[in-house]
Protein backbone atom coordinates (compact mmCIF):
# COMPACT_ATOMS: atom_id res chain seq x y z
CA MET A 1 178.70 -42.79 33.54
CA ALA A 2 181.42 -44.93 35.17
CA ARG A 3 181.09 -45.42 38.52
CA PHE A 4 183.67 -43.21 40.03
CA ARG A 5 185.40 -46.12 42.23
CA ASN A 6 186.33 -48.25 38.56
CA TYR A 7 188.18 -44.72 37.10
CA HIS A 8 191.95 -44.92 37.71
CA ARG A 9 193.89 -43.71 40.33
CA ASN A 10 195.35 -40.43 38.78
CA ILE A 11 191.67 -39.49 37.20
CA LYS A 12 190.95 -39.16 41.39
CA ILE A 13 193.76 -37.38 41.88
CA ARG A 14 193.20 -35.00 38.80
CA ILE A 15 189.75 -34.21 39.85
CA ALA A 16 190.94 -33.26 43.67
CA HIS A 17 194.32 -31.41 42.30
CA ILE A 18 191.09 -29.31 40.07
CA PHE A 19 189.09 -28.68 42.91
CA PHE A 20 192.76 -27.44 45.12
CA SER A 21 193.47 -24.97 42.50
CA ASP A 22 190.31 -23.72 40.85
CA ILE A 23 187.84 -23.40 44.17
CA VAL A 24 190.21 -19.66 45.47
CA ALA A 25 190.74 -19.10 41.65
CA GLY A 26 187.00 -19.05 41.17
CA ALA A 27 187.20 -16.17 43.32
CA ILE A 28 190.02 -13.82 42.01
CA PHE A 29 190.13 -14.51 38.13
CA PRO A 30 186.95 -13.50 36.97
CA PHE A 31 187.51 -10.26 38.41
CA MET A 32 190.88 -9.89 37.17
CA ALA A 33 189.74 -8.25 34.00
CA ILE A 34 187.97 -5.32 36.39
CA TYR A 35 191.06 -4.84 38.38
CA PHE A 36 193.07 -3.94 35.74
CA SER A 37 191.08 -1.88 34.29
CA GLN A 38 190.61 0.08 37.61
CA HIS A 39 194.50 0.54 37.45
CA PHE A 40 195.01 0.29 33.78
CA GLY A 41 192.04 1.50 31.81
CA ALA A 42 189.94 -0.91 29.95
CA LYS A 43 192.00 -0.05 26.56
CA LEU A 44 195.20 -0.87 27.44
CA THR A 45 193.74 -4.28 30.04
CA GLY A 46 192.65 -5.35 26.58
CA ILE A 47 196.16 -5.45 24.99
CA LEU A 48 197.65 -6.49 28.28
CA LEU A 49 195.45 -10.13 28.13
CA VAL A 50 196.83 -10.40 24.63
CA VAL A 51 199.94 -10.22 25.47
CA ASN A 52 199.25 -12.81 28.49
CA VAL A 53 197.64 -14.57 26.38
CA ILE A 54 200.18 -14.78 23.99
CA ILE A 55 202.89 -15.82 25.46
CA GLY A 56 200.52 -19.07 27.27
CA MET A 57 200.33 -20.22 24.07
CA ILE A 58 204.21 -19.93 23.08
CA VAL A 59 205.00 -21.74 26.54
CA GLY A 60 201.78 -23.97 25.79
CA LEU A 61 203.50 -25.14 22.16
CA TYR A 62 206.89 -25.96 24.04
CA GLY A 63 204.50 -27.94 27.02
CA GLY A 64 202.90 -29.89 25.04
CA TYR A 65 206.13 -31.19 22.31
CA TYR A 66 208.45 -31.55 25.54
CA ALA A 67 205.41 -33.94 27.30
CA ASP A 68 205.54 -36.51 24.76
CA GLN A 69 208.95 -36.03 25.59
CA VAL A 70 209.88 -36.48 29.00
CA GLY A 71 206.57 -37.40 30.04
CA ARG A 72 203.53 -35.76 31.53
CA LYS A 73 204.24 -35.95 35.45
CA LYS A 74 207.35 -33.56 35.08
CA LEU A 75 205.76 -30.84 33.54
CA MET A 76 203.07 -30.70 35.48
CA VAL A 77 204.92 -31.06 39.13
CA LEU A 78 207.22 -27.71 37.39
CA ALA A 79 203.53 -26.16 36.30
CA GLY A 80 202.44 -25.85 39.09
CA LEU A 81 205.42 -25.06 41.57
CA ILE A 82 206.12 -22.06 39.17
CA ARG A 83 202.62 -21.77 39.36
CA MET A 84 202.64 -21.49 43.51
CA VAL A 85 205.52 -19.00 43.54
CA ALA A 86 203.51 -16.40 41.60
CA PHE A 87 200.62 -16.92 43.60
CA ILE A 88 202.50 -15.78 46.57
CA VAL A 89 204.53 -12.69 44.80
CA MET A 90 200.89 -11.52 43.81
CA ALA A 91 200.19 -12.01 47.93
CA ILE A 92 202.63 -9.71 48.44
CA ALA A 93 201.95 -7.04 45.24
CA ASN A 94 198.25 -6.55 46.92
CA SER A 95 199.02 -6.88 50.93
CA PRO A 96 199.09 -4.01 53.66
CA ILE A 97 202.72 -2.73 52.86
CA LEU A 98 202.77 -3.16 49.18
CA THR A 99 200.38 -2.05 46.08
CA SER A 100 201.66 -3.46 42.67
CA PRO A 101 199.49 -4.04 39.51
CA GLU A 102 202.05 -3.66 37.97
CA LEU A 103 204.13 -6.61 39.56
CA THR A 104 200.73 -8.15 39.69
CA PHE A 105 200.76 -8.54 35.81
CA LEU A 106 203.65 -9.76 35.34
CA MET A 107 202.61 -12.52 37.99
CA ALA A 108 199.97 -12.89 36.03
CA LEU A 109 202.07 -13.62 32.75
CA LEU A 110 203.94 -16.50 34.96
CA VAL A 111 200.21 -17.63 36.15
CA GLY A 112 199.47 -18.18 32.54
CA ALA A 113 202.86 -19.63 31.37
CA SER A 114 202.68 -22.26 34.00
CA LEU A 115 198.86 -23.36 32.46
CA GLY A 116 200.27 -23.56 29.12
CA LEU A 117 202.96 -25.35 30.50
CA ASP A 118 200.90 -28.02 31.96
CA GLY A 119 197.58 -27.87 30.42
CA PRO A 120 198.42 -30.28 27.56
CA ALA A 121 200.09 -32.88 29.51
CA ALA A 122 197.47 -32.86 32.28
CA ASP A 123 194.48 -33.36 29.11
CA ALA A 124 197.52 -36.01 27.58
CA MET A 125 197.66 -38.04 30.92
CA ILE A 126 193.17 -38.28 31.31
CA ILE A 127 193.37 -40.40 27.63
CA ASP A 128 196.79 -41.95 27.89
CA ILE A 129 194.31 -43.76 30.86
CA THR A 130 190.46 -44.30 29.87
CA LYS A 131 189.05 -46.13 27.32
CA PRO A 132 186.89 -44.64 24.25
CA LYS A 133 183.43 -45.97 26.20
CA GLU A 134 184.24 -44.43 29.34
CA ARG A 135 185.35 -41.06 27.88
CA LYS A 136 182.23 -38.66 28.28
CA GLY A 137 181.97 -40.80 31.40
CA VAL A 138 185.39 -39.48 32.93
CA TYR A 139 184.91 -35.53 31.00
CA SER A 140 182.04 -34.47 32.52
CA LEU A 141 182.74 -35.55 35.92
CA ILE A 142 185.91 -33.49 35.24
CA TYR A 143 184.11 -30.71 34.28
CA TRP A 144 181.30 -31.08 37.32
CA SER A 145 184.47 -31.20 39.45
CA PHE A 146 186.39 -28.08 37.84
CA ASN A 147 182.40 -25.99 38.24
CA LEU A 148 182.07 -27.57 41.67
CA ALA A 149 185.67 -25.26 42.84
CA PHE A 150 184.51 -22.21 40.37
CA ALA A 151 181.03 -22.21 42.25
CA VAL A 152 182.31 -21.56 45.78
CA GLY A 153 184.80 -19.07 44.50
CA GLY A 154 182.35 -17.34 42.43
CA ILE A 155 179.94 -17.04 45.51
CA ILE A 156 183.40 -15.87 48.04
CA GLY A 157 185.18 -13.46 45.12
CA ALA A 158 181.81 -11.84 44.47
CA LEU A 159 181.51 -10.69 48.39
CA THR A 160 185.11 -10.70 48.94
CA PHE A 161 186.85 -9.75 45.84
CA LYS A 162 187.07 -6.04 45.83
CA ASN A 163 187.46 -5.19 49.82
CA TYR A 164 189.68 -8.63 50.41
CA LEU A 165 192.14 -9.10 47.75
CA PHE A 166 195.21 -9.99 50.16
CA GLU A 167 193.78 -13.09 51.72
CA LEU A 168 192.62 -14.60 49.11
CA LEU A 169 195.64 -14.69 47.56
CA ILE A 170 196.88 -16.18 50.61
CA LEU A 171 194.53 -18.68 50.66
CA LEU A 172 195.31 -19.69 46.39
CA SER A 173 199.28 -20.15 47.48
CA PHE A 174 197.73 -22.15 50.42
CA THR A 175 195.29 -24.28 47.84
CA SER A 176 198.15 -23.97 45.21
CA PHE A 177 200.36 -25.62 47.51
CA LEU A 178 197.99 -28.35 48.36
CA ALA A 179 197.27 -29.60 44.87
CA ASN A 180 201.17 -29.99 44.31
CA ILE A 181 201.48 -32.58 47.00
CA LEU A 182 198.48 -34.29 44.72
CA VAL A 183 200.99 -34.28 41.87
CA ILE A 184 204.12 -34.80 42.99
CA PHE A 185 203.35 -37.98 45.94
CA PHE A 186 199.84 -39.39 44.56
CA ILE A 187 199.94 -39.08 40.47
CA LYS A 188 201.71 -41.72 38.47
CA GLU A 189 203.45 -40.98 35.16
CA THR A 190 201.68 -42.75 32.14
CA LEU A 191 203.75 -42.12 29.17
CA LEU A 192 205.02 -45.71 29.03
CA ILE A 193 209.42 -45.43 29.95
CA LYS A 194 209.51 -47.03 26.00
CA GLU A 195 207.10 -44.33 24.54
CA ALA A 196 209.51 -42.27 26.19
CA LYS A 197 212.32 -40.75 23.52
CA THR A 198 215.42 -39.60 24.32
CA LYS A 199 217.12 -35.98 24.27
CA GLN A 200 217.21 -34.88 20.99
CA LYS A 201 220.13 -32.20 19.75
CA LYS A 202 218.03 -30.44 17.65
CA ILE A 203 214.95 -29.92 19.54
CA ILE A 204 214.00 -26.97 17.71
CA ARG A 205 213.61 -28.52 14.28
CA SER A 206 212.28 -31.72 16.16
CA MET A 207 209.29 -29.80 17.61
CA VAL A 208 208.27 -27.74 14.28
CA LYS A 209 207.59 -31.60 12.50
CA SER A 210 205.91 -32.68 15.07
CA TYR A 211 203.35 -29.26 15.22
CA LYS A 212 203.62 -29.63 11.69
CA GLU A 213 202.11 -33.14 11.00
CA VAL A 214 199.47 -32.34 13.51
CA ALA A 215 199.18 -28.37 11.82
CA SER A 216 198.36 -31.24 8.69
CA ASP A 217 195.52 -32.10 10.63
CA LYS A 218 193.08 -30.41 9.17
CA LEU A 219 189.77 -31.62 10.54
CA PHE A 220 191.01 -31.30 14.23
CA LEU A 221 192.61 -27.57 12.95
CA TYR A 222 189.20 -26.71 12.13
CA PHE A 223 187.41 -28.71 15.33
CA VAL A 224 189.83 -26.22 16.97
CA LEU A 225 188.67 -22.75 15.46
CA ALA A 226 185.32 -23.66 16.17
CA GLY A 227 186.59 -24.35 20.02
CA MET A 228 188.40 -21.54 20.42
CA LEU A 229 184.95 -20.05 18.50
CA MET A 230 182.81 -21.36 20.98
CA GLN A 231 184.94 -20.53 24.31
CA SER A 232 185.28 -16.84 23.39
CA VAL A 233 181.66 -16.03 23.69
CA GLU A 234 181.76 -17.92 27.06
CA ASN A 235 184.81 -16.03 28.61
CA GLN A 236 183.03 -12.65 27.58
CA MET A 237 181.47 -13.26 31.18
CA GLU A 238 185.08 -12.52 32.88
CA ASN A 239 186.42 -10.21 30.18
CA TYR A 240 183.95 -7.82 28.03
CA ILE A 241 180.72 -8.76 29.86
CA GLY A 242 182.17 -8.28 33.17
CA VAL A 243 183.70 -4.60 32.00
CA ARG A 244 180.37 -3.75 30.98
CA LEU A 245 178.34 -4.40 34.54
CA ASN A 246 180.91 -3.33 36.39
CA ASP A 247 180.94 0.13 34.59
CA GLU A 248 177.05 0.27 33.07
CA MET A 249 174.87 -2.48 35.45
CA PRO A 250 172.88 0.36 38.19
CA THR A 251 172.72 -1.37 42.07
CA GLN A 252 169.58 -2.87 41.96
CA PRO A 253 167.78 -4.95 45.24
CA ILE A 254 167.70 -8.66 45.51
CA PHE A 255 166.09 -10.05 48.46
CA HIS A 256 166.76 -6.87 50.71
CA PHE A 257 170.17 -6.78 49.32
CA ASP A 258 171.73 -4.24 47.02
CA VAL A 259 173.53 -6.32 43.98
CA THR A 260 176.50 -4.40 42.16
CA GLY A 261 177.87 -4.53 38.87
CA VAL A 262 180.43 -6.53 39.95
CA GLU A 263 178.69 -8.35 42.28
CA MET A 264 176.24 -9.66 39.58
CA VAL A 265 179.62 -10.56 37.41
CA GLY A 266 179.91 -13.17 40.92
CA PHE A 267 176.53 -14.27 40.85
CA LEU A 268 175.95 -15.34 36.99
CA LYS A 269 179.23 -17.03 37.07
CA ALA A 270 178.30 -18.48 41.07
CA GLU A 271 175.09 -19.44 38.82
CA ASN A 272 176.30 -21.31 36.02
CA THR A 273 178.35 -23.47 37.46
CA ILE A 274 176.26 -24.74 40.59
CA ILE A 275 173.36 -25.23 37.69
CA VAL A 276 176.44 -27.81 36.57
CA VAL A 277 176.83 -29.27 39.69
CA LEU A 278 173.82 -30.33 40.10
CA LEU A 279 172.47 -31.12 36.59
CA THR A 280 175.65 -32.21 35.02
CA VAL A 281 174.97 -35.74 35.57
CA PHE A 282 170.91 -35.48 34.77
CA ILE A 283 171.76 -33.76 31.08
CA THR A 284 174.66 -35.90 30.00
CA ARG A 285 173.21 -38.71 30.72
CA TRP A 286 169.59 -37.54 28.50
CA ILE A 287 171.26 -36.09 26.17
CA MET A 288 172.31 -39.98 24.89
CA LYS A 289 169.01 -40.24 24.16
CA PHE A 290 168.73 -38.18 21.63
CA ARG A 291 170.57 -38.18 17.44
CA GLU A 292 174.57 -36.64 19.22
CA ASP A 293 174.97 -34.31 15.72
CA ARG A 294 171.96 -32.47 16.60
CA THR A 295 171.78 -31.94 20.27
CA LEU A 296 175.45 -30.67 19.35
CA LEU A 297 173.98 -27.92 17.37
CA THR A 298 171.10 -27.13 19.30
CA ALA A 299 173.55 -27.23 21.82
CA ILE A 300 175.48 -24.38 20.69
CA PHE A 301 172.55 -21.82 19.49
CA ILE A 302 170.92 -22.06 22.72
CA PHE A 303 174.88 -21.57 24.31
CA THR A 304 175.09 -18.84 21.65
CA VAL A 305 171.66 -16.84 22.69
CA GLY A 306 172.05 -17.24 26.56
CA TYR A 307 175.16 -15.10 26.18
CA THR A 308 174.14 -12.96 23.52
CA VAL A 309 171.52 -11.72 25.54
CA VAL A 310 173.54 -11.28 29.41
CA SER A 311 175.93 -8.51 27.18
CA TYR A 312 173.72 -6.60 26.48
CA VAL A 313 171.38 -6.45 29.81
CA ASN A 314 171.37 -5.33 32.87
CA ASN A 315 168.15 -6.04 34.44
CA ILE A 316 169.07 -9.10 36.78
CA TRP A 317 165.94 -11.40 36.21
CA VAL A 318 166.90 -11.20 32.85
CA LEU A 319 170.78 -12.13 33.62
CA PHE A 320 170.19 -15.08 35.53
CA PHE A 321 166.97 -16.53 33.32
CA PHE A 322 169.32 -16.61 30.04
CA MET A 323 172.55 -17.16 32.00
CA THR A 324 170.99 -20.44 32.79
CA VAL A 325 169.98 -20.69 29.36
CA ALA A 326 173.69 -20.47 28.30
CA THR A 327 174.67 -23.28 30.75
CA ILE A 328 171.54 -25.64 29.28
CA GLY A 329 173.60 -25.73 26.64
CA GLU A 330 176.98 -25.80 27.73
CA LEU A 331 175.59 -29.25 29.65
CA MET A 332 174.19 -30.21 26.13
CA ARG A 333 177.66 -29.79 24.03
CA VAL A 334 180.75 -30.23 26.06
CA PRO A 335 180.40 -34.40 26.81
CA ILE A 336 179.37 -34.72 23.20
CA GLN A 337 182.55 -32.08 22.27
CA SER A 338 185.23 -33.62 24.45
CA ASP A 339 184.25 -36.98 23.16
CA PHE A 340 185.11 -36.01 19.57
CA LEU A 341 188.18 -33.92 20.65
CA ALA A 342 189.67 -37.51 22.60
CA SER A 343 188.76 -38.93 19.14
CA ILE A 344 191.30 -37.22 16.93
CA PRO A 345 194.51 -37.91 18.31
CA THR A 346 197.53 -40.36 17.34
CA ASP A 347 198.80 -42.18 20.51
CA ASP A 348 202.51 -40.84 19.85
CA LYS A 349 201.34 -37.18 19.19
CA ARG A 350 198.53 -36.32 22.41
CA SER A 351 200.13 -34.00 24.02
CA SER A 352 200.87 -32.60 20.89
CA TYR A 353 198.12 -32.04 19.49
CA MET A 354 196.43 -31.42 23.22
CA ALA A 355 199.05 -28.04 22.55
CA ILE A 356 197.25 -26.97 19.96
CA ASN A 357 193.59 -27.98 21.02
CA GLY A 358 195.44 -25.07 23.99
CA LEU A 359 194.77 -22.65 21.47
CA VAL A 360 190.90 -23.03 21.87
CA PHE A 361 191.62 -21.95 25.55
CA ASN A 362 194.24 -18.69 24.41
CA GLY A 363 192.82 -17.91 21.32
CA SER A 364 189.55 -17.62 23.01
CA MET A 365 191.64 -15.23 25.54
CA MET A 366 192.95 -13.14 22.99
CA LEU A 367 189.92 -13.06 21.69
CA SER A 368 187.93 -11.75 24.69
CA ALA A 369 190.60 -9.64 25.91
CA ILE A 370 190.38 -7.86 22.24
CA TYR A 371 186.55 -7.54 22.87
CA ILE A 372 187.74 -5.51 26.06
CA SER A 373 189.09 -2.50 24.58
CA LEU A 374 186.70 -3.11 21.76
CA GLY A 375 184.09 -2.85 24.03
CA ALA A 376 186.07 0.81 25.19
CA ILE A 377 185.18 1.82 21.67
CA PHE A 378 182.19 0.51 20.12
CA SER A 379 178.62 0.83 21.01
CA LYS A 380 176.83 -2.50 23.00
CA GLU A 381 174.37 -3.08 20.24
CA LEU A 382 177.31 -3.38 18.06
CA MET A 383 179.55 -5.71 20.38
CA THR A 384 175.91 -7.95 21.74
CA PHE A 385 176.28 -8.55 17.86
CA LEU A 386 179.55 -9.34 17.28
CA ILE A 387 179.17 -11.57 20.36
CA PHE A 388 176.41 -13.45 18.77
CA ALA A 389 178.21 -13.91 15.95
CA LEU A 390 181.36 -15.69 17.24
CA GLY A 391 178.87 -18.58 18.16
CA MET A 392 177.08 -18.69 15.20
CA SER A 393 180.36 -19.09 12.98
CA SER A 394 181.27 -22.23 15.31
CA LEU A 395 178.04 -23.43 14.60
CA LEU A 396 178.49 -23.21 11.21
CA ILE A 397 182.17 -24.66 11.37
CA ILE A 398 180.62 -27.92 13.81
CA ARG A 399 178.00 -28.44 10.79
CA ARG A 400 180.03 -28.56 8.30
CA ILE A 401 183.03 -31.06 9.58
CA LEU A 402 180.26 -32.94 11.52
CA PRO A 403 180.23 -36.17 9.30
CA ASP A 404 183.99 -36.10 9.57
CA LEU A 405 184.55 -36.33 12.87
CA LYS A 406 182.08 -38.89 13.48
CA LYS A 407 184.55 -40.91 10.56
CA ARG A 408 187.58 -40.28 12.32
CA ARG A 409 186.05 -41.58 15.71
CA GLU A 410 184.69 -45.04 14.11
CA PHE A 411 188.85 -45.33 12.60
CA GLN A 412 190.15 -44.33 15.82
CA GLN A 413 187.88 -47.35 17.76
CA SER A 414 188.56 -49.86 14.70
């Protein structure tokens, strides 16, 4: 892994930005599915979350196109300001003077839209300023920072979400303000002026043309599909698994403390992120000793088995053990998967590629939201099988396209 001090300033600021943005988000968003299910019921919650994801996907497509036209920073600033306002209103909607889950959901829609707006731009910015040989290290470091924030946030949320939501949202608004300061005053634009394109009168037609070119890249589409299925397995933690544990897991003692289902969700998320924080560097170096194709396939299998068991059992110690298994698979997978992703896009359409890759997040969130509704209809056994099927389908797709991914990376680096 390259030395941190040698990285581009934007990377260092981006890591700080991620930390400020996500430390309190980790205390809130893993529990929002539970919040909405308590107010609206599980079936309606699944539908509402699907709507949220669809809006994020649509905005993400626009964001990816415009980031290649006007630059990365402008969209990151706009999205950050929208997000901050949404968090402030969300806090008011859960304050001592007002309780409005409906307004909370509307603000959650704005937050989802803002993430779609700046996600492709931020991803493209990282590719703009990194060399192929340093990307695994950079992505591992960014992933480490993200998980450190969620580790702290997950613990805070497990202990305080139920009784101190208003205070958490106030804190989230403040950290969002700090994140905006970092982007506005310290991030530099990475899309060169000579690369920036002038305004076009027929925006929609031009955007459709751009995405048609990206959509013609079948290798990339298969890669996105595999990533979406894989991510949807992990996202079950905040969705179906979280709702199931809240409804089904009996209170159990651990070290003289009684742990409820909703607290267990927070502890499992915290365990996941603490392991990531402690072992990312070690495992990233360790996997370099092995063939990356075998490592990636093994990682996906381990990851899938871990989350499959977590989706079914209620025993605290079994849950902790298999979350460890899933996290080790995750740490083996992410650097290799991210390196392949960075080698696929063409230089002039990086943000457009990253916008389509945003379907990994948005599509997985949609699948996960659907699973909440399905969980209210189908048996736990069938739901566990469906989660296992998601992971194994991803493994089979990756196994099929691995040779072509290697060829594409060699071509891009030549």
